[in-house]
Protein backbone atom coordinates (compact mmCIF):
# COMPACT_ATOMS: atom_id res chain seq x y z
CA MET A 1 20.92 46.54 16.91
CA ALA A 2 23.43 43.71 17.16
CA MET A 3 26.27 43.82 14.69
CA PRO A 4 27.07 40.66 12.64
CA GLU A 5 30.15 38.71 13.71
CA LYS A 6 33.33 39.17 11.71
CA SER A 7 34.60 36.23 9.70
CA SER A 8 38.10 35.33 8.58
CA CYS A 9 36.71 34.45 5.15
CA ALA A 10 35.89 36.96 2.46
CA LYS A 11 32.39 37.74 1.21
CA PRO A 12 31.04 35.74 -1.77
CA SER A 13 31.61 38.67 -4.07
CA GLU A 14 35.27 38.73 -2.99
CA ASN A 15 35.83 35.01 -3.35
CA PHE A 16 37.93 35.11 -6.50
CA ARG A 17 41.63 35.82 -6.15
CA HIS A 18 44.20 36.80 -8.71
CA PHE A 19 47.54 35.18 -7.88
CA PRO A 20 50.70 36.23 -9.75
CA GLU A 21 52.51 33.80 -12.02
CA ILE A 22 55.49 33.68 -9.64
CA ILE A 23 54.73 32.85 -6.01
CA GLU A 24 57.06 33.47 -3.07
CA LEU A 25 56.66 31.17 -0.07
CA ASN A 26 58.04 31.37 3.45
CA VAL A 27 57.98 27.82 4.78
CA GLY A 28 59.23 27.67 8.35
CA GLY A 29 61.69 30.50 7.67
CA GLN A 30 62.98 29.08 4.37
CA VAL A 31 62.12 31.08 1.24
CA TYR A 32 60.95 29.29 -1.92
CA ILE A 33 60.05 30.80 -5.28
CA THR A 34 57.93 28.78 -7.71
CA ARG A 35 55.26 29.13 -10.37
CA TYR A 36 51.60 29.28 -9.50
CA PRO A 37 50.71 26.28 -11.74
CA THR A 38 53.18 24.15 -9.75
CA LEU A 39 51.40 24.84 -6.45
CA VAL A 40 48.01 23.80 -7.85
CA SER A 41 49.29 20.95 -10.02
CA VAL A 42 48.11 18.15 -7.69
CA PRO A 43 44.29 18.19 -7.41
CA GLY A 44 43.06 17.72 -3.86
CA SER A 45 46.38 18.64 -2.26
CA LEU A 46 46.53 21.16 0.54
CA LEU A 47 48.49 23.67 -1.53
CA SER A 48 45.98 23.33 -4.36
CA GLU A 49 43.21 24.16 -1.90
CA MET A 50 45.13 27.04 -0.31
CA PHE A 51 45.96 28.70 -3.63
CA SER A 52 42.66 28.01 -5.33
CA LYS A 53 41.37 31.19 -6.95
CA ASN A 54 37.98 30.70 -5.33
CA ASN A 55 39.38 30.02 -1.87
CA PRO A 56 37.33 32.31 0.40
CA CYS A 57 39.78 32.24 3.32
CA SER A 58 42.70 34.62 3.59
CA LEU A 59 46.28 33.35 3.47
CA ILE A 60 48.89 34.40 6.02
CA GLN A 61 51.69 36.62 4.71
CA ASP A 62 54.95 37.66 6.36
CA ASN A 63 56.25 41.23 6.59
CA LYS A 64 57.66 41.00 3.05
CA GLY A 65 54.42 39.81 1.48
CA ARG A 66 55.46 36.15 1.09
CA PHE A 67 52.82 33.51 1.79
CA PHE A 68 53.68 31.81 5.07
CA VAL A 69 53.35 28.07 5.75
CA ASP A 70 54.21 26.89 9.25
CA ARG A 71 55.97 23.62 8.34
CA ASP A 72 59.50 22.21 8.10
CA GLY A 73 61.33 24.51 5.69
CA PHE A 74 64.16 22.06 5.01
CA LEU A 75 61.89 19.14 4.04
CA PHE A 76 59.57 21.27 1.91
CA ARG A 77 62.18 21.29 -0.88
CA TYR A 78 61.41 17.61 -1.54
CA VAL A 79 57.67 18.26 -1.45
CA LEU A 80 58.06 21.01 -4.02
CA ASP A 81 60.33 18.86 -6.22
CA TYR A 82 57.70 16.13 -6.23
CA MET A 83 54.98 18.58 -7.28
CA ARG A 84 57.13 19.72 -10.20
CA ASP A 85 57.65 16.36 -11.94
CA ARG A 86 55.92 13.69 -9.77
CA LYS A 87 59.24 12.03 -8.95
CA LEU A 88 60.99 11.49 -5.64
CA VAL A 89 64.77 11.89 -5.63
CA LEU A 90 66.44 11.78 -2.21
CA PRO A 91 70.15 12.07 -1.34
CA ASP A 92 72.07 8.97 -0.31
CA HIS A 93 71.66 7.95 3.34
CA PHE A 94 68.69 10.31 3.80
CA PRO A 95 67.90 10.27 7.56
CA GLU A 96 64.58 12.16 7.49
CA ARG A 97 62.40 9.72 5.53
CA GLY A 98 59.85 9.31 8.32
CA ARG A 99 59.52 13.04 8.87
CA LEU A 100 59.19 13.66 5.13
CA GLN A 101 56.37 11.11 5.01
CA ARG A 102 54.60 13.07 7.72
CA GLU A 103 55.00 16.26 5.68
CA ALA A 104 53.55 14.48 2.63
CA GLU A 105 50.53 13.46 4.71
CA PHE A 106 50.05 17.04 5.90
CA PHE A 107 50.15 18.43 2.35
CA LYS A 108 47.68 15.72 1.20
CA LEU A 109 49.97 14.03 -1.31
CA PRO A 110 48.95 10.33 -1.14
CA GLU A 111 51.24 9.19 -3.97
CA LEU A 112 54.25 10.74 -2.26
CA VAL A 113 53.21 9.06 1.00
CA LYS A 114 53.26 5.69 -0.79
CA MET A 115 56.74 6.36 -2.17
CA LEU A 116 58.02 7.09 1.33
CA ALA A 117 56.35 4.14 3.04
CA PRO A 118 58.77 1.65 4.69
CA LYS A 119 59.76 -1.17 2.34
CA ILE A 120 60.75 -4.76 3.06
CA ASN A 121 64.30 -5.51 1.99
CA LYS A 122 65.65 -8.82 0.75
CA LEU A 123 66.40 -10.05 4.27
CA ASN A 124 62.81 -9.41 5.37
CA SER A 125 63.74 -6.47 7.59
CA VAL A 126 61.67 -3.33 7.79
CA GLY A 127 63.58 -0.56 6.03
CA ASN A 128 62.45 2.14 8.43
CA ASP A 129 63.96 0.40 11.44
CA LEU A 130 67.53 0.53 10.17
CA CYS A 131 69.68 3.25 8.68
CA GLN A 132 69.49 3.28 4.89
CA SER A 133 73.24 2.67 4.59
CA ASP A 134 72.95 -0.42 6.80
CA LEU A 135 70.20 -1.84 4.59
CA GLU A 136 72.19 -1.26 1.43
CA GLU A 137 75.24 -2.86 3.00
CA LEU A 138 73.27 -5.94 4.09
CA SER A 139 71.71 -6.40 0.66
CA THR A 140 74.92 -5.84 -1.34
CA ASN A 141 77.26 -7.81 0.91
CA THR A 142 75.23 -11.00 1.32
CA ASP A 143 77.83 -12.97 -0.67
CA THR A 144 80.57 -11.70 1.61
CA ILE A 145 78.66 -12.82 4.69
CA CYS A 146 78.16 -16.25 3.14
CA ASN A 147 81.92 -16.58 2.61
CA PHE A 148 82.46 -16.14 6.34
CA SER A 149 80.19 -19.07 7.16
CA SER A 150 82.91 -21.69 6.72
CA SER A 151 85.21 -20.14 9.33
CA ASN A 152 82.88 -18.34 11.74
CA ASN A 153 79.77 -20.51 11.43
CA ILE A 154 77.63 -17.65 10.15
CA GLN A 155 74.48 -19.05 8.58
CA VAL A 156 72.49 -17.06 6.04
CA SER A 157 69.11 -18.68 5.61
CA GLY A 158 66.48 -18.24 2.95
CA PRO A 159 64.14 -15.29 2.39
CA ASP A 160 61.84 -16.45 5.17
CA ASN A 161 64.51 -16.12 7.85
CA PRO A 162 66.97 -13.28 8.59
CA PRO A 163 70.69 -14.07 8.92
CA THR A 164 71.77 -15.32 12.33
CA LEU A 165 75.14 -15.65 14.05
CA THR A 166 75.59 -19.09 15.58
CA ALA A 167 79.20 -18.66 16.62
CA GLY A 168 82.06 -16.22 16.46
CA SER A 169 82.46 -12.74 17.83
CA GLY A 170 80.32 -9.88 16.54
CA SER A 171 83.37 -7.61 16.68
CA ASP A 172 84.80 -9.53 13.70
CA LEU A 173 82.26 -7.81 11.46
CA LYS A 174 82.89 -4.27 12.73
CA LYS A 175 84.16 -1.75 10.22
CA ALA A 176 87.78 -0.68 10.19
CA GLY A 177 88.64 3.01 10.35
CA PHE A 178 90.22 5.91 12.20
CA ILE A 179 88.92 8.29 14.85
CA THR A 180 90.84 11.40 15.95
CA ILE A 181 90.33 12.87 19.41
CA GLY A 182 91.42 16.48 19.96
CA TYR A 183 91.27 18.85 22.90
CA ARG A 184 92.53 22.23 24.03
CA GLY A 185 93.99 22.89 27.45
CA SER A 186 95.53 25.93 29.08
CA TYR A 187 97.35 26.88 32.27
CA THR A 188 98.86 30.02 33.81
CA LEU A 189 102.48 29.97 34.95
CA SER A 190 103.74 32.86 37.11
CA ARG A 191 107.24 34.33 37.31
CA ASP A 192 107.78 32.61 40.64
CA SER A 193 108.95 29.14 39.71
CA HIS A 194 107.90 27.81 43.14
CA THR A 195 104.28 28.61 42.49
CA ASP A 196 102.20 25.79 41.09
CA ALA A 197 100.75 26.28 37.64
CA LYS A 198 97.05 27.05 37.55
CA PHE A 199 95.44 24.59 35.17
CA ARG A 200 92.12 25.24 33.52
CA ARG A 201 89.47 22.64 32.83
CA VAL A 202 89.37 21.03 29.38
CA ALA A 203 86.51 22.85 27.70
CA ARG A 204 85.64 20.42 24.92
CA ILE A 205 86.85 17.12 23.44
CA MET A 206 86.49 17.16 19.65
CA VAL A 207 85.84 14.07 17.54
CA CYS A 208 86.91 13.72 13.90
CA GLY A 209 86.08 10.70 11.74
CA LYS A 210 83.35 8.84 9.89
CA ILE A 211 79.86 9.53 11.24
CA SER A 212 78.90 5.86 11.59
CA LEU A 213 82.07 5.01 13.54
CA ALA A 214 81.74 7.99 15.88
CA LYS A 215 78.12 7.11 16.70
CA GLU A 216 79.02 3.46 17.24
CA VAL A 217 81.78 4.26 19.72
CA PHE A 218 80.34 7.19 21.68
CA GLY A 219 76.58 6.71 21.29
CA ASP A 220 74.50 9.16 23.32
CA THR A 221 77.60 10.88 24.69
CA LEU A 222 78.29 12.33 21.22
CA ASN A 223 77.02 15.88 20.68
CA GLU A 224 75.92 16.30 17.05
CA SER A 225 74.40 19.79 17.34
CA ARG A 226 77.15 21.47 15.29
CA ASP A 227 76.77 19.10 12.32
CA PRO A 228 73.25 17.57 12.37
CA ASP A 229 71.61 15.36 9.72
CA ARG A 230 74.90 14.30 8.18
CA PRO A 231 74.92 10.96 6.29
CA PRO A 232 76.56 8.10 8.24
CA GLU A 233 79.21 7.38 5.59
CA ARG A 234 80.44 10.99 5.46
CA TYR A 235 83.17 12.48 7.65
CA THR A 236 82.99 15.29 10.18
CA SER A 237 85.36 17.26 12.40
CA ARG A 238 82.69 19.21 14.24
CA TYR A 239 81.32 16.63 16.69
CA TYR A 240 82.32 16.84 20.34
CA LEU A 241 81.70 14.81 23.48
CA LYS A 242 79.29 15.67 26.28
CA PHE A 243 81.94 14.85 28.91
CA THR A 244 85.42 16.35 29.45
CA PHE A 245 87.49 13.39 30.68
CA LEU A 246 89.99 12.08 28.15
CA GLU A 247 90.25 8.77 30.01
CA GLN A 248 86.54 8.21 29.51
CA ALA A 249 86.92 8.73 25.76
CA PHE A 250 89.90 6.37 25.66
CA ASP A 251 87.92 3.69 27.53
CA LYS A 252 85.10 3.85 25.02
CA LEU A 253 87.52 3.59 22.11
CA ALA A 254 89.30 0.63 23.70
CA ASP A 255 85.99 -1.14 24.35
CA ALA A 256 85.13 -0.72 20.64
CA GLY A 257 88.43 -2.30 19.55
CA PHE A 258 90.40 0.85 18.72
CA TYR A 259 94.03 1.43 19.69
CA MET A 260 96.20 4.57 19.57
CA VAL A 261 98.55 4.85 16.59
CA ALA A 262 99.76 8.47 16.80
CA CYS A 263 99.53 11.69 18.78
CA ASN A 264 100.82 15.24 18.47
CA SER A 265 100.62 18.49 20.40
CA THR A 266 101.24 22.18 19.81
CA GLY A 267 101.49 25.06 22.28
CA THR A 268 101.43 28.85 22.32
CA CYS A 269 102.22 31.35 25.03
CA THR A 270 100.83 34.80 25.83
CA VAL A 271 101.70 37.31 28.57
CA THR A 272 98.80 38.22 30.86
CA HIS A 273 99.94 41.64 32.11
CA ASP A 274 102.71 44.05 31.24
CA GLN A 275 103.61 44.49 34.92
CA THR A 276 104.18 40.78 35.51
CA ASP A 277 105.80 37.88 33.77
CA ASP A 278 102.76 35.63 34.22
CA LYS A 279 102.13 33.67 31.08
CA ILE A 280 99.21 31.64 29.76
CA TRP A 281 100.14 28.50 27.89
CA THR A 282 97.57 27.07 25.51
CA SER A 283 98.03 23.64 24.00
CA TYR A 284 96.14 21.61 21.44
CA THR A 285 96.60 17.83 21.39
CA GLU A 286 95.33 15.17 18.99
CA TYR A 287 95.23 11.42 19.44
CA VAL A 288 94.67 9.15 16.43
CA PHE A 289 92.97 5.79 17.04
CA CYS A 290 92.65 2.93 14.57
CA ARG A 291 90.60 -0.25 14.28
CA GLU A 292 91.73 -2.77 11.66
């Protein structure tokens, strides 16, 4: 006699679950602890369906018994905050608005999706196409741009037309600031003074400065893996360049209107072997560039 196929859902008599008051979630590796009423507070949402007491399907749990959801663990904090009080509060210069909207769609939260939808700013530009800080700067500094019109022929038209530059150099509107370039180098010098020093390749060129300036100057050659998702108006000292030629970095800074204002260097020495006088010199050098 053929046996009935197994199902991932429980039998009708086992349909009703008893969830604890406090629920632990593992969302993409991030652990969240919340109350059961919060998870089911939005009728029709995915979490409300998953944690319904008459949900016949089993939920996935990790090795510590926490309910597992295979989504972005970082962005889920904003989803959970919304479910608590139906409000959306994001940090300044939030760069993940589009991805958060996708998470809201996945969790079936239509009101949150509407809150995250791209908005039209005062200059009739789509808010999702530009960085949030750029939009705020355009909207708050319209009067400043108008003041430039007498000298640089910058015309700011009405709400039906975006601002256009009819004359003048675009570099006049670039932000002033500082960028520091740092690198480590080393070489081995033997006891024999006639022997050439053995230089080692520069391993990494570090960049320190405001995020927006660093991205403007170095573009795709800037490695942001050590400090990702940082707001553009904040500072960092953890970025580095994908190339190892100082001259290439200097060229990019010069093209962006920066010039060197200071530099400094330090060095240390270590002995390689007790039997020889060979020494390894390690130096760290910084160059400070400015754009007024």
